[in-house]
Amino acid sequence: MRIPAAGTLPWRLRDGELEVALVHRPRYDDWSWAKGKLDPGEYWAVAAVRETVEETGLVVRLGPPLPEARYTLLGRDGTPDDKVVRYWTAQVTGGDGHLVNEIDEVVWLDVPAAHTRLDYARDRDQLLALVRLHQTARLDTWPLVLVRHAHAVARGEWSDADPLRPLSADGRRRSAALVPVLLAYGVSRVLTSPSERCVRTVEPFTSAAGVRLRTRSGLSEEGFEADPRTAPAHLGRLLDRGEPAVLCTHGPVLPSLLDDLEDRLDLDQPASVEVVEEFAEARDDRLAKGEALVCHVVGTGDDARIVAVERHLP
């Protein structure tokens, strides 16, 4: 049986020195990363943030993903189970540090001390990957999330103006499922096409997060057809701001935006092949309806570069 789990490596700079947060589990008397098993139907990224809050009391925003860990455990019946743990870098955005779940101590350590303190060799893979990101100025990122609106009522079943076409029942379920995903990346700015199906895709998130929903006619199909320059201009302004952001639009608009972002892929890094392949798959699909494509960006404006990409599919 496969056991899926997720966790984070919270990091900070203290007097210019990189530090990471480790947790101690009294049940096993070991030091490791904050992590835990996925709830049924839960996204990996959502579980990573939830488990970090439960084990450290710290609210985090996910950054670039790190190498996963795979190892074998003996189940209660004595049969081997394969555990797969996915990790992310994470920046602390809140929380009181109150420990509530299986952990009796959280410590911030510099890299050499953390390397020594960790009880499992496999946990050092994530630490070394985080250090490499820091050394190459790719650790301190911000997320830019492209969202294609969720499934709407079919055009043939709708007699009113197309911009008023609502989400289907499946689309409404998907818009609700996007809420914890976008929360995991700390999104604080939302731009969307004013079409009903786009607004309703991101509105549950803006309501839950207390984030203002901003509509832009240039992100609609009609606005893009009238002036194809407007949608890329909105994307450019988000890149200038460098704030965790979501841009929600339509399939016909996405190729123009994805072309602009493709030019910003960071190719001067060891993981460039994986980043390019992941991005290419999303571009070729023009994103699935209801998909969130998370681009982890370093820098702003003309200097903005995408160092990692994640697809969150329905």
Protein backbone atom coordinates (compact mmCIF):
# COMPACT_ATOMS: atom_id res chain seq x y z
CA MET A 1 0.00 0.00 0.00
CA ARG A 2 1.21 3.53 -0.78
CA ILE A 3 0.97 6.11 2.00
CA PRO A 4 0.96 9.69 0.64
CA ALA A 5 2.25 12.43 2.93
CA ALA A 6 3.40 16.03 2.59
CA GLY A 7 5.48 18.52 4.52
CA THR A 8 7.56 21.68 4.42
CA LEU A 9 10.93 23.12 5.24
CA PRO A 10 10.15 26.54 6.75
CA TRP A 11 13.14 28.85 6.25
CA ARG A 12 14.24 32.31 7.28
CA LEU A 13 17.28 34.58 7.18
CA ARG A 14 18.57 35.69 10.57
CA ASP A 15 21.42 38.21 10.52
CA GLY A 16 21.99 37.11 6.94
CA GLU A 17 22.29 33.42 7.85
CA LEU A 18 19.91 30.78 6.51
CA GLU A 19 17.93 28.87 9.14
CA VAL A 20 15.34 26.08 8.89
CA ALA A 21 12.73 24.76 11.31
CA LEU A 22 12.89 21.14 12.57
CA VAL A 23 10.37 19.32 14.75
CA HIS A 24 10.87 16.72 17.49
CA ARG A 25 8.43 13.82 17.82
CA PRO A 26 8.50 12.41 21.35
CA ARG A 27 6.80 9.19 20.22
CA TYR A 28 9.85 8.31 18.10
CA ASP A 29 12.38 10.62 19.79
CA ASP A 30 13.50 11.90 16.40
CA TRP A 31 14.13 15.20 14.63
CA SER A 32 12.70 15.69 11.15
CA TRP A 33 10.60 18.01 9.02
CA ALA A 34 6.99 18.94 9.71
CA LYS A 35 4.91 16.50 7.68
CA GLY A 36 1.92 14.17 7.78
CA LYS A 37 -0.45 11.98 5.82
CA LEU A 38 -2.96 13.35 3.34
CA ASP A 39 -6.62 13.35 4.27
CA PRO A 40 -8.89 11.55 1.75
CA GLY A 41 -9.14 13.62 -1.42
CA GLU A 42 -6.70 16.26 -0.14
CA TYR A 43 -4.15 17.91 -2.41
CA TRP A 44 -0.49 17.37 -1.53
CA ALA A 45 0.21 21.09 -1.26
CA VAL A 46 -2.82 21.65 0.97
CA ALA A 47 -1.74 18.81 3.26
CA ALA A 48 1.77 20.27 3.50
CA VAL A 49 0.46 23.59 4.80
CA ARG A 50 -2.10 21.97 7.11
CA GLU A 51 0.43 19.61 8.66
CA THR A 52 2.90 22.45 9.18
CA VAL A 53 0.29 24.46 11.06
CA GLU A 54 -0.71 21.44 13.14
CA GLU A 55 2.85 20.46 14.02
CA THR A 56 4.53 23.85 14.43
CA GLY A 57 1.75 26.37 14.95
CA LEU A 58 3.20 28.33 12.01
CA VAL A 59 1.17 29.45 9.01
CA VAL A 60 3.30 29.18 5.87
CA ARG A 61 3.22 30.08 2.21
CA LEU A 62 4.60 27.44 -0.12
CA GLY A 63 7.60 28.12 -2.32
CA PRO A 64 9.38 25.86 -4.81
CA PRO A 65 8.92 22.12 -4.35
CA LEU A 66 11.80 20.00 -3.06
CA PRO A 67 12.82 16.38 -3.72
CA GLU A 68 10.34 13.87 -2.40
CA ALA A 69 11.25 11.08 0.02
CA ARG A 70 10.31 7.42 -0.48
CA TYR A 71 10.80 4.71 2.09
CA THR A 72 9.23 1.52 3.35
CA LEU A 73 7.40 1.06 6.64
CA LEU A 74 5.92 -2.04 8.20
CA GLY A 75 2.16 -1.86 8.50
CA ARG A 76 0.20 -3.01 11.53
CA ASP A 77 -0.25 -6.41 9.92
CA GLY A 78 3.48 -6.72 9.28
CA THR A 79 3.29 -6.11 5.53
CA PRO A 80 5.50 -3.41 3.97
CA ASP A 81 3.93 -0.06 3.04
CA ASP A 82 5.58 2.44 0.69
CA LYS A 83 5.50 5.98 2.05
CA VAL A 84 5.87 8.90 -0.35
CA VAL A 85 6.44 12.36 1.14
CA ARG A 86 6.39 15.50 -1.00
CA TYR A 87 8.06 18.62 0.38
CA TRP A 88 8.08 22.34 -0.31
CA THR A 89 10.14 25.27 0.84
CA ALA A 90 7.97 27.56 2.95
CA GLN A 91 8.00 31.08 4.30
CA VAL A 92 6.26 31.85 7.59
CA THR A 93 3.37 34.29 7.21
CA GLY A 94 1.68 33.95 10.61
CA GLY A 95 0.80 31.67 13.50
CA ASP A 96 1.61 31.68 17.19
CA GLY A 97 3.94 28.68 17.35
CA HIS A 98 1.52 26.77 19.59
CA LEU A 99 2.15 23.02 19.27
CA VAL A 100 -0.99 20.93 18.95
CA ASN A 101 -0.18 17.66 17.22
CA GLU A 102 2.42 15.00 18.14
CA ILE A 103 5.27 17.51 18.46
CA ASP A 104 6.89 18.69 21.68
CA GLU A 105 9.57 21.03 20.30
CA VAL A 106 10.31 23.15 17.25
CA VAL A 107 13.75 24.64 16.72
CA TRP A 108 15.28 27.00 14.18
CA LEU A 109 18.80 25.92 13.28
CA ASP A 110 21.44 27.03 10.83
CA VAL A 111 22.26 24.62 8.03
CA PRO A 112 25.23 22.80 9.62
CA ALA A 113 23.36 22.33 12.90
CA ALA A 114 20.22 21.14 11.09
CA HIS A 115 22.26 18.69 9.00
CA THR A 116 23.68 17.21 12.19
CA ARG A 117 20.39 17.22 14.13
CA LEU A 118 18.32 15.38 11.51
CA ASP A 119 17.92 11.72 12.42
CA TYR A 120 17.30 10.37 8.91
CA ALA A 121 19.72 10.58 6.01
CA ARG A 122 16.80 10.90 3.58
CA ASP A 123 15.79 14.21 5.20
CA ARG A 124 19.12 15.75 4.24
CA ASP A 125 18.19 15.56 0.55
CA GLN A 126 15.57 18.27 1.05
CA LEU A 127 17.94 20.38 3.13
CA LEU A 128 20.67 20.26 0.50
CA ALA A 129 18.19 21.14 -2.24
CA LEU A 130 16.98 24.14 -0.23
CA VAL A 131 20.57 25.27 0.29
CA ARG A 132 21.24 25.03 -3.46
CA LEU A 133 18.21 27.22 -4.13
CA HIS A 134 19.51 29.76 -1.64
CA GLN A 135 23.02 29.73 -3.06
CA THR A 136 21.72 30.37 -6.57
CA ALA A 137 19.25 33.11 -5.48
CA ARG A 138 16.21 30.94 -6.31
CA LEU A 139 14.80 30.40 -2.82
CA ASP A 140 13.01 33.70 -2.18
CA THR A 141 10.15 33.41 -4.68
CA TRP A 142 6.59 34.63 -5.12
CA PRO A 143 3.75 32.69 -6.79
CA LEU A 144 1.99 33.75 -9.96
CA VAL A 145 -0.99 31.46 -10.55
CA LEU A 146 -2.81 31.16 -13.87
CA VAL A 147 -6.31 29.69 -13.56
CA ARG A 148 -8.55 28.62 -16.42
CA HIS A 149 -12.17 28.98 -15.43
CA ALA A 150 -13.92 25.82 -14.24
CA HIS A 151 -16.53 23.95 -16.29
CA ALA A 152 -19.49 26.09 -17.28
CA VAL A 153 -22.92 25.32 -18.66
CA ALA A 154 -22.51 24.32 -22.32
CA ARG A 155 -22.91 27.12 -24.87
CA GLY A 156 -25.62 25.14 -26.63
CA GLU A 157 -27.64 24.97 -23.41
CA TRP A 158 -27.44 28.70 -22.73
CA SER A 159 -29.66 31.23 -24.51
CA ASP A 160 -28.49 34.46 -22.87
CA ALA A 161 -25.31 36.47 -23.52
CA ASP A 162 -22.20 34.30 -23.34
CA PRO A 163 -20.42 36.39 -20.63
CA LEU A 164 -23.35 35.55 -18.33
CA ARG A 165 -22.98 31.79 -18.79
CA PRO A 166 -22.64 30.26 -15.29
CA LEU A 167 -20.59 27.40 -13.92
CA SER A 168 -22.00 23.89 -14.05
CA ALA A 169 -22.37 21.81 -10.90
CA ASP A 170 -18.93 20.30 -11.56
CA GLY A 171 -17.53 23.78 -12.03
CA ARG A 172 -18.93 24.96 -8.71
CA ARG A 173 -17.37 21.98 -6.96
CA ARG A 174 -14.04 22.76 -8.59
CA SER A 175 -14.18 26.43 -7.58
CA ALA A 176 -14.65 25.32 -3.96
CA ALA A 177 -11.75 22.87 -4.24
CA LEU A 178 -9.45 25.67 -5.44
CA VAL A 179 -9.86 27.60 -2.19
CA PRO A 180 -7.35 25.64 -0.03
CA VAL A 181 -4.95 25.33 -2.98
CA LEU A 182 -4.72 29.09 -3.46
CA LEU A 183 -4.56 29.64 0.30
CA ALA A 184 -1.53 27.33 0.42
CA TYR A 185 0.38 29.75 -1.81
CA GLY A 186 -0.61 32.86 0.11
CA VAL A 187 -2.32 34.59 -2.81
CA SER A 188 -3.16 38.20 -1.99
CA ARG A 189 -4.15 39.66 -5.36
CA VAL A 190 -6.75 38.33 -7.82
CA LEU A 191 -7.43 39.51 -11.36
CA THR A 192 -10.15 37.87 -13.43
CA SER A 193 -12.18 38.19 -16.58
CA PRO A 194 -15.55 39.74 -15.71
CA SER A 195 -17.35 36.82 -17.37
CA GLU A 196 -19.56 34.99 -14.91
CA ARG A 197 -17.76 31.67 -15.27
CA CYS A 198 -14.39 33.25 -14.39
CA VAL A 199 -15.66 35.38 -11.51
CA ARG A 200 -17.41 32.40 -9.90
CA THR A 201 -14.29 30.26 -10.28
CA VAL A 202 -12.21 32.51 -8.00
CA GLU A 203 -14.91 34.16 -5.88
CA PRO A 204 -15.03 31.39 -3.25
CA PHE A 205 -11.31 31.95 -2.66
CA THR A 206 -11.53 35.74 -2.44
CA SER A 207 -14.42 35.41 0.02
CA ALA A 208 -12.52 32.91 2.18
CA ALA A 209 -9.25 34.85 2.11
CA GLY A 210 -10.72 38.35 2.39
CA VAL A 211 -8.98 39.32 -0.85
CA ARG A 212 -10.44 41.90 -3.23
CA LEU A 213 -11.63 40.49 -6.56
CA ARG A 214 -10.59 42.72 -9.45
CA THR A 215 -12.18 42.27 -12.88
CA ARG A 216 -10.44 43.27 -16.11
CA SER A 217 -12.34 43.32 -19.41
CA GLY A 218 -9.11 42.65 -21.32
CA LEU A 219 -9.01 39.15 -19.78
CA SER A 220 -12.40 38.20 -21.26
CA GLU A 221 -12.75 36.44 -24.59
CA GLU A 222 -14.53 39.47 -26.04
CA GLY A 223 -11.98 41.94 -24.69
CA PHE A 224 -9.06 39.85 -25.93
CA GLU A 225 -10.58 39.59 -29.40
CA ALA A 226 -11.03 43.38 -29.50
CA ASP A 227 -7.46 44.08 -28.37
CA PRO A 228 -5.05 41.14 -27.90
CA ARG A 229 -2.46 43.42 -26.27
CA THR A 230 -4.49 44.08 -23.13
CA ALA A 231 -4.30 40.64 -21.45
CA PRO A 232 -0.47 40.43 -21.68
CA ALA A 233 -0.33 43.97 -20.31
CA HIS A 234 -2.29 42.88 -17.22
CA LEU A 235 0.11 39.96 -16.79
CA GLY A 236 3.05 42.33 -17.12
CA ARG A 237 1.73 44.55 -14.35
CA LEU A 238 1.44 41.53 -12.03
CA LEU A 239 5.06 40.68 -12.81
CA ASP A 240 6.02 44.27 -12.02
CA ARG A 241 4.28 44.11 -8.61
CA GLY A 242 5.83 40.82 -7.50
CA GLU A 243 2.88 40.05 -5.21
CA PRO A 244 1.41 36.54 -4.81
CA ALA A 245 -1.30 36.67 -7.43
CA VAL A 246 -3.94 34.80 -9.41
CA LEU A 247 -5.01 35.61 -12.95
CA CYS A 248 -8.18 33.83 -14.09
CA THR A 249 -9.15 33.80 -17.76
CA HIS A 250 -10.34 31.73 -20.74
CA GLY A 251 -8.82 29.08 -22.99
CA PRO A 252 -8.50 31.35 -26.05
CA VAL A 253 -6.66 34.00 -24.01
CA LEU A 254 -4.16 31.67 -22.35
CA PRO A 255 -1.77 30.99 -25.27
CA SER A 256 -0.75 34.64 -25.40
CA LEU A 257 -0.08 34.70 -21.66
CA LEU A 258 1.74 31.37 -21.69
CA ASP A 259 3.96 32.53 -24.54
CA ASP A 260 5.03 35.52 -22.46
CA LEU A 261 5.71 33.34 -19.42
CA GLU A 262 7.63 30.75 -21.44
CA ASP A 263 10.19 33.43 -22.28
CA ARG A 264 10.76 33.85 -18.53
CA LEU A 265 11.59 30.22 -17.72
CA ASP A 266 14.91 30.03 -15.87
CA LEU A 267 17.02 27.72 -18.00
CA ASP A 268 20.27 28.22 -16.08
CA GLN A 269 19.56 25.73 -13.30
CA PRO A 270 19.83 21.96 -12.81
CA ALA A 271 16.03 21.51 -12.74
CA SER A 272 15.45 23.46 -15.97
CA VAL A 273 14.53 20.36 -18.00
CA GLU A 274 11.77 19.38 -15.56
CA VAL A 275 10.47 22.97 -15.42
CA VAL A 276 10.36 23.27 -19.21
CA GLU A 277 8.62 19.91 -19.63
CA GLU A 278 5.98 20.68 -17.00
CA PHE A 279 5.32 24.09 -18.50
CA ALA A 280 5.16 22.70 -22.03
CA GLU A 281 2.49 20.17 -21.04
CA ALA A 282 0.37 22.91 -19.47
CA ARG A 283 0.86 25.17 -22.51
CA ASP A 284 -0.08 22.41 -24.95
CA ASP A 285 -3.26 21.74 -22.96
CA ARG A 286 -4.03 25.48 -22.67
CA LEU A 287 -4.62 24.40 -19.07
CA ALA A 288 -7.48 22.10 -18.20
CA LYS A 289 -10.70 23.78 -17.16
CA GLY A 290 -10.39 24.56 -13.47
CA GLU A 291 -6.61 24.04 -13.46
CA ALA A 292 -4.26 26.23 -11.41
CA LEU A 293 -0.77 26.58 -12.87
CA VAL A 294 1.58 27.82 -10.15
CA CYS A 295 4.69 29.62 -11.41
CA HIS A 296 7.31 30.27 -8.71
CA VAL A 297 8.92 33.56 -9.70
CA VAL A 298 12.18 35.19 -8.64
CA GLY A 299 12.46 38.92 -9.18
CA THR A 300 10.06 41.39 -10.75
CA GLY A 301 9.53 43.24 -13.99
CA ASP A 302 12.01 42.54 -16.76
CA ASP A 303 14.15 40.52 -14.32
CA ALA A 304 11.35 38.13 -13.32
CA ARG A 305 12.27 34.47 -13.89
CA ILE A 306 10.23 31.30 -13.33
CA VAL A 307 12.27 28.76 -11.35
CA ALA A 308 9.60 26.10 -10.74
CA VAL A 309 6.17 25.16 -12.07
CA GLU A 310 3.33 23.11 -10.55
CA ARG A 311 0.08 21.95 -12.12
CA HIS A 312 -2.98 21.56 -9.88
CA LEU A 313 -5.45 19.68 -12.03
CA PRO A 314 -9.14 19.01 -11.29
